[in-house]
PDB file of N, CA and C in Angstrom:
ATOM      1  N   MET A   1     103.031  77.588 112.776  1.00  0.00           N
ATOM      2  CA  MET A   1     103.066  78.988 113.180  1.00  0.00           C
ATOM      3  C   MET A   1     104.221  79.724 112.514  1.00  0.00           C
ATOM      4  N   PHE A   2     105.405  79.148 112.512  1.00  0.00           N
ATOM      5  CA  PHE A   2     106.552  79.830 111.923  1.00  0.00           C
ATOM      6  C   PHE A   2     106.451  79.982 110.414  1.00  0.00           C
ATOM      7  N   PRO A   3     105.890  78.998 109.676  1.00  0.00           N
ATOM      8  CA  PRO A   3     105.712  79.246 108.240  1.00  0.00           C
ATOM      9  C   PRO A   3     104.813  80.460 107.978  1.00  0.00           C
ATOM     10  N   LEU A   4     103.815  80.645 108.836  1.00  0.00           N
ATOM     11  CA  LEU A   4     102.936  81.797 108.707  1.00  0.00           C
ATOM     12  C   LEU A   4     103.713  83.094 108.928  1.00  0.00           C
ATOM     13  N   LEU A   5     104.580  83.103 109.940  1.00  0.00           N
ATOM     14  CA  LEU A   5     105.402  84.282 110.202  1.00  0.00           C
ATOM     15  C   LEU A   5     106.356  84.548 109.044  1.00  0.00           C
ATOM     16  N   LYS A   6     106.910  83.478 108.493  1.00  0.00           N
ATOM     17  CA  LYS A   6     107.833  83.636 107.374  1.00  0.00           C
ATOM     18  C   LYS A   6     107.109  84.179 106.139  1.00  0.00           C
ATOM     19  N   LYS A   7     105.917  83.688 105.889  1.00  0.00           N
ATOM     20  CA  LYS A   7     105.168  84.097 104.704  1.00  0.00           C
ATOM     21  C   LYS A   7     104.651  85.531 104.818  1.00  0.00           C
ATOM     22  N   TYR A   8     104.232  85.925 106.013  1.00  0.00           N
ATOM     23  CA  TYR A   8     103.580  87.219 106.194  1.00  0.00           C
ATOM     24  C   TYR A   8     104.399  88.194 107.034  1.00  0.00           C
ATOM     25  N   TRP A   9     105.712  88.057 107.062  1.00  0.00           N
ATOM     26  CA  TRP A   9     106.514  88.893 107.956  1.00  0.00           C
ATOM     27  C   TRP A   9     106.408  90.380 107.617  1.00  0.00           C
ATOM     28  N   ILE A  10     106.274  90.717 106.342  1.00  0.00           N
ATOM     29  CA  ILE A  10     106.147  92.137 105.985  1.00  0.00           C
ATOM     30  C   ILE A  10     104.803  92.676 106.466  1.00  0.00           C
ATOM     31  N   SER A  11     103.736  91.934 106.232  1.00  0.00           N
ATOM     32  CA  SER A  11     102.411  92.372 106.686  1.00  0.00           C
ATOM     33  C   SER A  11     102.363  92.494 108.204  1.00  0.00           C
ATOM     34  N   ILE A  12     102.942  91.535 108.890  1.00  0.00           N
ATOM     35  CA  ILE A  12     102.949  91.576 110.360  1.00  0.00           C
ATOM     36  C   ILE A  12     103.712  92.794 110.854  1.00  0.00           C
ATOM     37  N   THR A  13     104.839  93.088 110.222  1.00  0.00           N
ATOM     38  CA  THR A  13     105.630  94.253 110.617  1.00  0.00           C
ATOM     39  C   THR A  13     104.874  95.551 110.355  1.00  0.00           C
ATOM     40  N   VAL A  14     104.288  95.678 109.175  1.00  0.00           N
ATOM     41  CA  VAL A  14     103.535  96.891 108.830  1.00  0.00           C
ATOM     42  C   VAL A  14     102.343  97.057 109.763  1.00  0.00           C
ATOM     43  N   ASN A  15     101.597  95.967 110.001  1.00  0.00           N
ATOM     44  CA  ASN A  15     100.441  96.050 110.904  1.00  0.00           C
ATOM     45  C   ASN A  15     100.864  96.440 112.312  1.00  0.00           C
ATOM     46  N   SER A  16     101.965  95.903 112.778  1.00  0.00           N
ATOM     47  CA  SER A  16     102.452  96.238 114.118  1.00  0.00           C
ATOM     48  C   SER A  16     102.831  97.712 114.211  1.00  0.00           C
ATOM     49  N   LEU A  17     103.499  98.216 113.190  1.00  0.00           N
ATOM     50  CA  LEU A  17     103.878  99.633 113.186  1.00  0.00           C
ATOM     51  C   LEU A  17     102.650 100.536 113.130  1.00  0.00           C
ATOM     52  N   VAL A  18     101.688 100.198 112.294  1.00  0.00           N
ATOM     53  CA  VAL A  18     100.457 100.997 112.202  1.00  0.00           C
ATOM     54  C   VAL A  18      99.718 100.966 113.541  1.00  0.00           C
ATOM     55  N   PHE A  19      99.627  99.791 114.147  1.00  0.00           N
ATOM     56  CA  PHE A  19      98.958  99.688 115.441  1.00  0.00           C
ATOM     57  C   PHE A  19      99.654 100.577 116.475  1.00  0.00           C
ATOM     58  N   ALA A  20     100.976 100.518 116.521  1.00  0.00           N
ATOM     59  CA  ALA A  20     101.726 101.329 117.484  1.00  0.00           C
ATOM     60  C   ALA A  20     101.489 102.817 117.240  1.00  0.00           C
ATOM     61  N   VAL A  21     101.537 103.236 115.988  1.00  0.00           N
ATOM     62  CA  VAL A  21     101.323 104.648 115.663  1.00  0.00           C
ATOM     63  C   VAL A  21      99.908 105.084 116.047  1.00  0.00           C
ATOM     64  N   CYS A  22      98.940 104.232 115.787  1.00  0.00           N
ATOM     65  CA  CYS A  22      97.545 104.576 116.083  1.00  0.00           C
ATOM     66  C   CYS A  22      97.239 104.613 117.574  1.00  0.00           C
ATOM     67  N   MET A  23      98.041 103.971 118.382  1.00  0.00           N
ATOM     68  CA  MET A  23      97.793 103.961 119.825  1.00  0.00           C
ATOM     69  C   MET A  23      98.639 105.003 120.568  1.00  0.00           C
ATOM     70  N   MET A  24      99.572 105.631 119.863  1.00  0.00           N
ATOM     71  CA  MET A  24     100.436 106.642 120.482  1.00  0.00           C
ATOM     72  C   MET A  24      99.719 107.980 120.576  1.00  0.00           C
ATOM     73  N   LYS A  25     100.266 108.833 121.422  1.00  0.00           N
ATOM     74  CA  LYS A  25      99.753 110.193 121.501  1.00  0.00           C
ATOM     75  C   LYS A  25     100.050 110.896 120.184  1.00  0.00           C
ATOM     76  N   PRO A  26      99.042 111.538 119.584  1.00  0.00           N
ATOM     77  CA  PRO A  26      99.284 112.209 118.304  1.00  0.00           C
ATOM     78  C   PRO A  26     100.222 113.396 118.488  1.00  0.00           C
ATOM     79  N   PRO A  27     101.054 113.654 117.483  1.00  0.00           N
ATOM     80  CA  PRO A  27     101.965 114.794 117.596  1.00  0.00           C
ATOM     81  C   PRO A  27     101.180 116.098 117.592  1.00  0.00           C
ATOM     82  N   GLY A  28     101.722 117.085 118.235  1.00  0.00           N
ATOM     83  CA  GLY A  28     101.055 118.383 118.322  1.00  0.00           C
ATOM     84  C   GLY A  28     101.343 119.261 117.127  1.00  0.00           C
ATOM     85  N   ILE A  29     101.361 118.678 115.948  1.00  0.00           N
ATOM     86  CA  ILE A  29     101.666 119.431 114.735  1.00  0.00           C
ATOM     87  C   ILE A  29     100.371 119.973 114.146  1.00  0.00           C
ATOM     88  N   GLU A  30     100.347 121.248 113.905  1.00  0.00           N
ATOM     89  CA  GLU A  30      99.187 121.860 113.267  1.00  0.00           C
ATOM     90  C   GLU A  30      99.399 121.881 111.759  1.00  0.00           C
ATOM     91  N   VAL A  31      98.380 121.509 111.025  1.00  0.00           N
ATOM     92  CA  VAL A  31      98.419 121.555 109.569  1.00  0.00           C
ATOM     93  C   VAL A  31      97.311 122.512 109.131  1.00  0.00           C
ATOM     94  N   PRO A  32      97.619 123.828 109.114  1.00  0.00           N
ATOM     95  CA  PRO A  32      96.555 124.812 108.887  1.00  0.00           C
ATOM     96  C   PRO A  32      95.991 124.825 107.476  1.00  0.00           C
ATOM     97  N   THR A  33      96.759 124.365 106.484  1.00  0.00           N
ATOM     98  CA  THR A  33      96.284 124.471 105.112  1.00  0.00           C
ATOM     99  C   THR A  33      95.329 123.354 104.728  1.00  0.00           C
ATOM    100  N   MET A  34      95.234 122.305 105.544  1.00  0.00           N
ATOM    101  CA  MET A  34      94.373 121.175 105.180  1.00  0.00           C
ATOM    102  C   MET A  34      93.631 120.674 106.415  1.00  0.00           C
ATOM    103  N   THR A  35      92.327 120.727 106.366  1.00  0.00           N
ATOM    104  CA  THR A  35      91.559 120.194 107.478  1.00  0.00           C
ATOM    105  C   THR A  35      91.450 118.684 107.337  1.00  0.00           C
ATOM    106  N   ASP A  36      91.285 118.014 108.429  1.00  0.00           N
ATOM    107  CA  ASP A  36      91.146 116.557 108.454  1.00  0.00           C
ATOM    108  C   ASP A  36      92.333 115.831 107.820  1.00  0.00           C
ATOM    109  N   PHE A  37      93.526 116.338 108.062  1.00  0.00           N
ATOM    110  CA  PHE A  37      94.746 115.719 107.548  1.00  0.00           C
ATOM    111  C   PHE A  37      94.860 114.281 108.023  1.00  0.00           C
ATOM    112  N   ASP A  38      94.373 114.003 109.240  1.00  0.00           N
ATOM    113  CA  ASP A  38      94.478 112.635 109.773  1.00  0.00           C
ATOM    114  C   ASP A  38      93.683 111.633 108.940  1.00  0.00           C
ATOM    115  N   LYS A  39      92.642 112.088 108.257  1.00  0.00           N
ATOM    116  CA  LYS A  39      91.867 111.172 107.396  1.00  0.00           C
ATOM    117  C   LYS A  39      92.723 110.708 106.220  1.00  0.00           C
ATOM    118  N   LEU A  40      93.501 111.613 105.679  1.00  0.00           N
ATOM    119  CA  LEU A  40      94.420 111.270 104.600  1.00  0.00           C
ATOM    120  C   LEU A  40      95.482 110.288 105.094  1.00  0.00           C
ATOM    121  N   VAL A  41      95.946 110.496 106.306  1.00  0.00           N
ATOM    122  CA  VAL A  41      96.926 109.579 106.904  1.00  0.00           C
ATOM    123  C   VAL A  41      96.306 108.186 107.046  1.00  0.00           C
ATOM    124  N   HIS A  42      95.079 108.116 107.540  1.00  0.00           N
ATOM    125  CA  HIS A  42      94.398 106.819 107.665  1.00  0.00           C
ATOM    126  C   HIS A  42      94.257 106.141 106.306  1.00  0.00           C
ATOM    127  N   PHE A  43      93.876 106.906 105.294  1.00  0.00           N
ATOM    128  CA  PHE A  43      93.733 106.364 103.947  1.00  0.00           C
ATOM    129  C   PHE A  43      95.045 105.703 103.504  1.00  0.00           C
ATOM    130  N   PHE A  44      96.153 106.413 103.623  1.00  0.00           N
ATOM    131  CA  PHE A  44      97.423 105.875 103.144  1.00  0.00           C
ATOM    132  C   PHE A  44      97.963 104.751 104.024  1.00  0.00           C
ATOM    133  N   LEU A  45      97.724 104.809 105.329  1.00  0.00           N
ATOM    134  CA  LEU A  45      98.144 103.709 106.192  1.00  0.00           C
ATOM    135  C   LEU A  45      97.458 102.408 105.772  1.00  0.00           C
ATOM    136  N   PHE A  46      96.167 102.472 105.522  1.00  0.00           N
ATOM    137  CA  PHE A  46      95.427 101.252 105.195  1.00  0.00           C
ATOM    138  C   PHE A  46      95.574 100.855 103.732  1.00  0.00           C
ATOM    139  N   LEU A  47      95.919 101.785 102.883  1.00  0.00           N
ATOM    140  CA  LEU A  47      96.312 101.427 101.532  1.00  0.00           C
ATOM    141  C   LEU A  47      97.595 100.582 101.616  1.00  0.00           C
ATOM    142  N   GLY A  48      98.512 100.990 102.485  1.00  0.00           N
ATOM    143  CA  GLY A  48      99.747 100.235 102.683  1.00  0.00           C
ATOM    144  C   GLY A  48      99.520  98.867 103.291  1.00  0.00           C
ATOM    145  N   ILE A  49      98.640  98.789 104.275  1.00  0.00           N
ATOM    146  CA  ILE A  49      98.322  97.497 104.888  1.00  0.00           C
ATOM    147  C   ILE A  49      97.719  96.563 103.844  1.00  0.00           C
ATOM    148  N   SER A  50      96.808  97.083 103.053  1.00  0.00           N
ATOM    149  CA  SER A  50      96.166  96.282 102.015  1.00  0.00           C
ATOM    150  C   SER A  50      97.185  95.825 100.970  1.00  0.00           C
ATOM    151  N   GLY A  51      98.051  96.717 100.563  1.00  0.00           N
ATOM    152  CA  GLY A  51      99.056  96.385  99.558  1.00  0.00           C
ATOM    153  C   GLY A  51     100.043  95.340 100.030  1.00  0.00           C
ATOM    154  N   THR A  52     100.513  95.463 101.274  1.00  0.00           N
ATOM    155  CA  THR A  52     101.460  94.463 101.772  1.00  0.00           C
ATOM    156  C   THR A  52     100.787  93.105 101.915  1.00  0.00           C
ATOM    157  N   ALA A  53      99.536  93.098 102.337  1.00  0.00           N
ATOM    158  CA  ALA A  53      98.814  91.821 102.441  1.00  0.00           C
ATOM    159  C   ALA A  53      98.641  91.196 101.067  1.00  0.00           C
ATOM    160  N   PHE A  54      98.334  92.012 100.079  1.00  0.00           N
ATOM    161  CA  PHE A  54      98.173  91.510  98.713  1.00  0.00           C
ATOM    162  C   PHE A  54      99.472  90.872  98.220  1.00  0.00           C
ATOM    163  N   PHE A  55     100.570  91.572  98.371  1.00  0.00           N
ATOM    164  CA  PHE A  55     101.834  91.048  97.874  1.00  0.00           C
ATOM    165  C   PHE A  55     102.332  89.864  98.685  1.00  0.00           C
ATOM    166  N   ASP A  56     102.040  89.834  99.978  1.00  0.00           N
ATOM    167  CA  ASP A  56     102.366  88.643 100.768  1.00  0.00           C
ATOM    168  C   ASP A  56     101.528  87.449 100.313  1.00  0.00           C
ATOM    169  N   ASN A  57     100.247  87.670 100.060  1.00  0.00           N
ATOM    170  CA  ASN A  57      99.358  86.582  99.625  1.00  0.00           C
ATOM    171  C   ASN A  57      99.742  86.014  98.268  1.00  0.00           C
ATOM    172  N   THR A  58     100.281  86.847  97.408  1.00  0.00           N
ATOM    173  CA  THR A  58     100.632  86.388  96.065  1.00  0.00           C
ATOM    174  C   THR A  58     102.118  86.049  95.952  1.00  0.00           C
ATOM    175  N   GLY A  59     102.819  86.035  97.067  1.00  0.00           N
ATOM    176  CA  GLY A  59     104.251  85.741  97.012  1.00  0.00           C
ATOM    177  C   GLY A  59     104.975  86.725  96.122  1.00  0.00           C
ATOM    178  N   TYR A  60     104.632  87.999  96.269  1.00  0.00           N
ATOM    179  CA  TYR A  60     105.206  89.062  95.450  1.00  0.00           C
ATOM    180  C   TYR A  60     104.950  88.789  93.968  1.00  0.00           C
ATOM    181  N   LEU A  61     103.715  88.386  93.690  1.00  0.00           N
ATOM    182  CA  LEU A  61     103.189  88.135  92.348  1.00  0.00           C
ATOM    183  C   LEU A  61     103.777  86.885  91.699  1.00  0.00           C
ATOM    184  N   LYS A  62     104.412  86.015  92.486  1.00  0.00           N
ATOM    185  CA  LYS A  62     105.007  84.796  91.932  1.00  0.00           C
ATOM    186  C   LYS A  62     104.035  83.627  91.923  1.00  0.00           C
ATOM    187  N   ARG A  63     102.978  83.701  92.732  1.00  0.00           N
ATOM    188  CA  ARG A  63     102.006  82.604  92.735  1.00  0.00           C
ATOM    189  C   ARG A  63     100.597  83.183  92.647  1.00  0.00           C
ATOM    190  N   LYS A  64      99.738  82.376  92.118  1.00  0.00           N
ATOM    191  CA  LYS A  64      98.347  82.790  91.950  1.00  0.00           C
ATOM    192  C   LYS A  64      97.588  82.549  93.252  1.00  0.00           C
ATOM    193  N   SER A  65      96.798  83.507  93.644  1.00  0.00           N
ATOM    194  CA  SER A  65      95.947  83.376  94.819  1.00  0.00           C
ATOM    195  C   SER A  65      94.504  83.533  94.388  1.00  0.00           C
ATOM    196  N   SER A  66      93.618  82.880  95.121  1.00  0.00           N
ATOM    197  CA  SER A  66      92.199  82.979  94.786  1.00  0.00           C
ATOM    198  C   SER A  66      91.685  84.384  95.086  1.00  0.00           C
ATOM    199  N   ALA A  67      90.652  84.763  94.380  1.00  0.00           N
ATOM    200  CA  ALA A  67      90.032  86.072  94.592  1.00  0.00           C
ATOM    201  C   ALA A  67      89.520  86.199  96.020  1.00  0.00           C
ATOM    202  N   LEU A  68      88.998  85.096  96.572  1.00  0.00           N
ATOM    203  CA  LEU A  68      88.499  85.129  97.946  1.00  0.00           C
ATOM    204  C   LEU A  68      89.634  85.375  98.937  1.00  0.00           C
ATOM    205  N   ARG A  69      90.766  84.723  98.730  1.00  0.00           N
ATOM    206  CA  ARG A  69      91.917  84.919  99.613  1.00  0.00           C
ATOM    207  C   ARG A  69      92.420  86.365  99.536  1.00  0.00           C
ATOM    208  N   ILE A  70      92.478  86.897  98.322  1.00  0.00           N
ATOM    209  CA  ILE A  70      92.907  88.285  98.153  1.00  0.00           C
ATOM    210  C   ILE A  70      91.905  89.231  98.820  1.00  0.00           C
ATOM    211  N   PHE A  71      90.606  88.990  98.607  1.00  0.00           N
ATOM    212  CA  PHE A  71      89.575  89.839  99.208  1.00  0.00           C
ATOM    213  C   PHE A  71      89.647  89.787 100.730  1.00  0.00           C
ATOM    214  N   ASN A  72      89.740  88.583 101.288  1.00  0.00           N
ATOM    215  CA  ASN A  72      89.792  88.444 102.743  1.00  0.00           C
ATOM    216  C   ASN A  72      91.045  89.075 103.333  1.00  0.00           C
ATOM    217  N   GLY A  73      92.193  88.771 102.744  1.00  0.00           N
ATOM    218  CA  GLY A  73      93.451  89.246 103.305  1.00  0.00           C
ATOM    219  C   GLY A  73      93.750  90.701 103.026  1.00  0.00           C
ATOM    220  N   SER A  74      93.329  91.171 101.874  1.00  0.00           N
ATOM    221  CA  SER A  74      93.699  92.520 101.467  1.00  0.00           C
ATOM    222  C   SER A  74      92.594  93.555 101.661  1.00  0.00           C
ATOM    223  N   PHE A  75      91.387  93.104 101.933  1.00  0.00           N
ATOM    224  CA  PHE A  75      90.313  94.056 102.199  1.00  0.00           C
ATOM    225  C   PHE A  75      89.640  93.813 103.540  1.00  0.00           C
ATOM    226  N   LEU A  76      89.084  92.622 103.739  1.00  0.00           N
ATOM    227  CA  LEU A  76      88.343  92.375 104.987  1.00  0.00           C
ATOM    228  C   LEU A  76      89.228  92.482 106.229  1.00  0.00           C
ATOM    229  N   PHE A  77      90.423  91.879 106.175  1.00  0.00           N
ATOM    230  CA  PHE A  77      91.298  91.961 107.345  1.00  0.00           C
ATOM    231  C   PHE A  77      91.662  93.412 107.665  1.00  0.00           C
ATOM    232  N   PRO A  78      92.133  94.214 106.692  1.00  0.00           N
ATOM    233  CA  PRO A  78      92.447  95.602 107.034  1.00  0.00           C
ATOM    234  C   PRO A  78      91.245  96.390 107.569  1.00  0.00           C
ATOM    235  N   VAL A  79      90.062  96.146 107.016  1.00  0.00           N
ATOM    236  CA  VAL A  79      88.873  96.852 107.510  1.00  0.00           C
ATOM    237  C   VAL A  79      88.576  96.443 108.954  1.00  0.00           C
ATOM    238  N   ALA A  80      88.633  95.148 109.241  1.00  0.00           N
ATOM    239  CA  ALA A  80      88.406  94.676 110.617  1.00  0.00           C
ATOM    240  C   ALA A  80      89.485  95.221 111.553  1.00  0.00           C
ATOM    241  N   PHE A  81      90.723  95.246 111.081  1.00  0.00           N
ATOM    242  CA  PHE A  81      91.834  95.775 111.870  1.00  0.00           C
ATOM    243  C   PHE A  81      91.619  97.258 112.169  1.00  0.00           C
ATOM    244  N   GLY A  82      91.161  98.016 111.168  1.00  0.00           N
ATOM    245  CA  GLY A  82      90.868  99.428 111.376  1.00  0.00           C
ATOM    246  C   GLY A  82      89.758  99.634 112.396  1.00  0.00           C
ATOM    247  N   GLY A  83      88.714  98.806 112.321  1.00  0.00           N
ATOM    248  CA  GLY A  83      87.633  98.891 113.306  1.00  0.00           C
ATOM    249  C   GLY A  83      88.120  98.571 114.707  1.00  0.00           C
ATOM    250  N   LEU A  84      88.957  97.544 114.821  1.00  0.00           N
ATOM    251  CA  LEU A  84      89.522  97.183 116.123  1.00  0.00           C
ATOM    252  C   LEU A  84      90.355  98.322 116.691  1.00  0.00           C
ATOM    253  N   ILE A  85      91.155  98.948 115.861  1.00  0.00           N
ATOM    254  CA  ILE A  85      91.973 100.070 116.327  1.00  0.00           C
ATOM    255  C   ILE A  85      91.088 101.197 116.847  1.00  0.00           C
ATOM    256  N   GLU A  86      90.037 101.525 116.122  1.00  0.00           N
ATOM    257  CA  GLU A  86      89.150 102.611 116.563  1.00  0.00           C
ATOM    258  C   GLU A  86      88.461 102.261 117.882  1.00  0.00           C
ATOM    259  N   ILE A  87      88.041 101.019 118.033  1.00  0.00           N
ATOM    260  CA  ILE A  87      87.413 100.592 119.293  1.00  0.00           C
ATOM    261  C   ILE A  87      88.420 100.662 120.440  1.00  0.00           C
ATOM    262  N   LEU A  88      89.638 100.173 120.196  1.00  0.00           N
ATOM    263  CA  LEU A  88      90.663 100.213 121.245  1.00  0.00           C
ATOM    264  C   LEU A  88      91.053 101.645 121.586  1.00  0.00           C
ATOM    265  N   GLN A  89      91.119 102.516 120.605  1.00  0.00           N
ATOM    266  CA  GLN A  89      91.415 103.921 120.890  1.00  0.00           C
ATOM    267  C   GLN A  89      90.334 104.534 121.780  1.00  0.00           C
ATOM    268  N   ALA A  90      89.089 104.186 121.515  1.00  0.00           N
ATOM    269  CA  ALA A  90      87.975 104.755 122.277  1.00  0.00           C
ATOM    270  C   ALA A  90      87.880 104.189 123.685  1.00  0.00           C
ATOM    271  N   THR A  91      88.290 102.933 123.866  1.00  0.00           N
ATOM    272  CA  THR A  91      88.063 102.283 125.157  1.00  0.00           C
ATOM    273  C   THR A  91      89.305 102.135 126.026  1.00  0.00           C
ATOM    274  N   LEU A  92      90.476 102.016 125.418  1.00  0.00           N
ATOM    275  CA  LEU A  92      91.676 101.730 126.213  1.00  0.00           C
ATOM    276  C   LEU A  92      92.614 102.908 126.420  1.00  0.00           C
ATOM    277  N   THR A  93      92.411 103.973 125.678  1.00  0.00           N
ATOM    278  CA  THR A  93      93.324 105.109 125.832  1.00  0.00           C
ATOM    279  C   THR A  93      92.551 106.343 126.255  1.00  0.00           C
ATOM    280  N   ASN A  94      93.257 107.230 126.908  1.00  0.00           N
ATOM    281  CA  ASN A  94      92.663 108.530 127.212  1.00  0.00           C
ATOM    282  C   ASN A  94      93.350 109.619 126.399  1.00  0.00           C
ATOM    283  N   ILE A  95      94.245 109.202 125.496  1.00  0.00           N
ATOM    284  CA  ILE A  95      94.944 110.165 124.647  1.00  0.00           C
ATOM    285  C   ILE A  95      94.449 110.117 123.201  1.00  0.00           C
ATOM    286  N   ARG A  96      93.659 109.100 122.866  1.00  0.00           N
ATOM    287  CA  ARG A  96      93.104 108.951 121.520  1.00  0.00           C
ATOM    288  C   ARG A  96      91.609 108.725 121.640  1.00  0.00           C
ATOM    289  N   SER A  97      90.899 108.974 120.568  1.00  0.00           N
ATOM    290  CA  SER A  97      89.463 108.702 120.574  1.00  0.00           C
ATOM    291  C   SER A  97      89.107 107.952 119.303  1.00  0.00           C
ATOM    292  N   GLY A  98      88.167 107.043 119.413  1.00  0.00           N
ATOM    293  CA  GLY A  98      87.685 106.335 118.232  1.00  0.00           C
ATOM    294  C   GLY A  98      86.877 107.279 117.360  1.00  0.00           C
ATOM    295  N   ASP A  99      86.978 107.109 116.056  1.00  0.00           N
ATOM    296  CA  ASP A  99      86.294 108.013 115.140  1.00  0.00           C
ATOM    297  C   ASP A  99      85.767 107.203 113.956  1.00  0.00           C
ATOM    298  N   TRP A 100      84.460 107.284 113.730  1.00  0.00           N
ATOM    299  CA  TRP A 100      83.857 106.547 112.622  1.00  0.00           C
ATOM    300  C   TRP A 100      84.397 107.012 111.272  1.00  0.00           C
ATOM    301  N   MET A 101      84.714 108.294 111.166  1.00  0.00           N
ATOM    302  CA  MET A 101      85.263 108.789 109.897  1.00  0.00           C
ATOM    303  C   MET A 101      86.666 108.229 109.654  1.00  0.00           C
ATOM    304  N   ASP A 102      87.460 108.064 110.710  1.00  0.00           N
ATOM    305  CA  ASP A 102      88.757 107.404 110.556  1.00  0.00           C
ATOM    306  C   ASP A 102      88.552 105.985 110.028  1.00  0.00           C
ATOM    307  N   PHE A 103      87.574 105.296 110.592  1.00  0.00           N
ATOM    308  CA  PHE A 103      87.271 103.927 110.160  1.00  0.00           C
ATOM    309  C   PHE A 103      86.849 103.909 108.690  1.00  0.00           C
ATOM    310  N   LEU A 104      86.042 104.876 108.284  1.00  0.00           N
ATOM    311  CA  LEU A 104      85.619 104.962 106.889  1.00  0.00           C
ATOM    312  C   LEU A 104      86.828 105.146 105.971  1.00  0.00           C
ATOM    313  N   TYR A 105      87.749 106.016 106.360  1.00  0.00           N
ATOM    314  CA  TYR A 105      88.938 106.233 105.542  1.00  0.00           C
ATOM    315  C   TYR A 105      89.880 105.027 105.571  1.00  0.00           C
ATOM    316  N   ASP A 106      89.879 104.285 106.671  1.00  0.00           N
ATOM    317  CA  ASP A 106      90.618 103.015 106.705  1.00  0.00           C
ATOM    318  C   ASP A 106      90.074 102.074 105.625  1.00  0.00           C
ATOM    319  N   ALA A 107      88.754 101.953 105.570  1.00  0.00           N
ATOM    320  CA  ALA A 107      88.108 101.050 104.600  1.00  0.00           C
ATOM    321  C   ALA A 107      88.326 101.522 103.165  1.00  0.00           C
ATOM    322  N   ILE A 108      88.233 102.821 102.942  1.00  0.00           N
ATOM    323  CA  ILE A 108      88.454 103.358 101.594  1.00  0.00           C
ATOM    324  C   ILE A 108      89.904 103.122 101.177  1.00  0.00           C
ATOM    325  N   GLY A 109      90.839 103.308 102.094  1.00  0.00           N
ATOM    326  CA  GLY A 109      92.247 103.055 101.797  1.00  0.00           C
ATOM    327  C   GLY A 109      92.503 101.594 101.480  1.00  0.00           C
ATOM    328  N   ALA A 110      91.875 100.689 102.235  1.00  0.00           N
ATOM    329  CA  ALA A 110      92.029  99.252 101.973  1.00  0.00           C
ATOM    330  C   ALA A 110      91.455  98.892 100.609  1.00  0.00           C
ATOM    331  N   LEU A 111      90.307  99.439 100.280  1.00  0.00           N
ATOM    332  CA  LEU A 111      89.709  99.183  98.971  1.00  0.00           C
ATOM    333  C   LEU A 111      90.607  99.710  97.852  1.00  0.00           C
ATOM    334  N   ALA A 112      91.110 100.912  98.021  1.00  0.00           N
ATOM    335  CA  ALA A 112      92.013 101.482  97.013  1.00  0.00           C
ATOM    336  C   ALA A 112      93.267 100.622  96.871  1.00  0.00           C
ATOM    337  N   GLY A 113      93.780 100.106  97.977  1.00  0.00           N
ATOM    338  CA  GLY A 113      94.949  99.236  97.924  1.00  0.00           C
ATOM    339  C   GLY A 113      94.693  97.983  97.115  1.00  0.00           C
ATOM    340  N   VAL A 114      93.544  97.356  97.320  1.00  0.00           N
ATOM    341  CA  VAL A 114      93.195  96.151  96.563  1.00  0.00           C
ATOM    342  C   VAL A 114      93.083  96.477  95.077  1.00  0.00           C
ATOM    343  N   VAL A 115      92.400  97.556  94.758  1.00  0.00           N
ATOM    344  CA  VAL A 115      92.206  97.927  93.351  1.00  0.00           C
ATOM    345  C   VAL A 115      93.548  98.216  92.680  1.00  0.00           C
ATOM    346  N   ILE A 116      94.394  98.987  93.332  1.00  0.00           N
ATOM    347  CA  ILE A 116      95.709  99.304  92.763  1.00  0.00           C
ATOM    348  C   ILE A 116      96.533  98.040  92.573  1.00  0.00           C
ATOM    349  N   CYS A 117      96.528  97.165  93.559  1.00  0.00           N
ATOM    350  CA  CYS A 117      97.300  95.923  93.452  1.00  0.00           C
ATOM    351  C   CYS A 117      96.766  95.014  92.355  1.00  0.00           C
ATOM    352  N   LEU A 118      95.457  94.942  92.196  1.00  0.00           N
ATOM    353  CA  LEU A 118      94.887  94.137  91.117  1.00  0.00           C
ATOM    354  C   LEU A 118      95.290  94.693  89.752  1.00  0.00           C
ATOM    355  N   ILE A 119      95.312  96.006  89.638  1.00  0.00           N
ATOM    356  CA  ILE A 119      95.734  96.633  88.379  1.00  0.00           C
ATOM    357  C   ILE A 119      97.208  96.318  88.108  1.00  0.00           C
ATOM    358  N   ILE A 120      98.048  96.463  89.125  1.00  0.00           N
ATOM    359  CA  ILE A 120      99.473  96.140  88.974  1.00  0.00           C
ATOM    360  C   ILE A 120      99.636  94.682  88.603  1.00  0.00           C
ATOM    361  N   ASN A 121      98.918  93.803  89.289  1.00  0.00           N
ATOM    362  CA  ASN A 121      98.993  92.372  89.034  1.00  0.00           C
ATOM    363  C   ASN A 121      98.605  92.056  87.585  1.00  0.00           C
ATOM    364  N   ARG A 122      97.549  92.677  87.125  1.00  0.00           N
ATOM    365  CA  ARG A 122      97.086  92.435  85.751  1.00  0.00           C
ATOM    366  C   ARG A 122      98.101  92.956  84.732  1.00  0.00           C
ATOM    367  N   LYS A 123      98.693  94.119  84.989  1.00  0.00           N
ATOM    368  CA  LYS A 123      99.671  94.683  84.058  1.00  0.00           C
ATOM    369  C   LYS A 123     100.935  93.845  83.981  1.00  0.00           C
ATOM    370  N   LEU A 124     101.331  93.230  85.095  1.00  0.00           N
ATOM    371  CA  LEU A 124     102.559  92.451  85.115  1.00  0.00           C
ATOM    372  C   LEU A 124     102.408  91.066  84.516  1.00  0.00           C
ATOM    373  N   LYS A 125     101.178  90.598  84.359  1.00  0.00           N
ATOM    374  CA  LYS A 125     100.966  89.243  83.823  1.00  0.00           C
ATOM    375  C   LYS A 125     100.891  89.227  82.327  1.00  0.00           C
TER     376      LYS A 125
END
């Protein structure tokens, strides 16, 4: 258990922070110039989750990881995590609501994170 915590401590920290933010009451800030600003926030949150998982899986690009491990850890896990957050928001809170479009932007952000990390990985090798 502890080797897992040591290996993935950045991902665990980022996921915990994202989970906490997603379960909190949203700030009452109006963003009049851009509609659906929260979708952009979801995109970047899950791009970050995907990126940290990628770099944790590759030991900050020091070791080679299988494509399946990268896909599972950097795409499937963030997408499942995003779905879980939306379900928990809809069922456990009365201050947040689950939203399929938020989930879609979570998945798009995770996919973008994997693609960006693969490009970075390829350029550095």
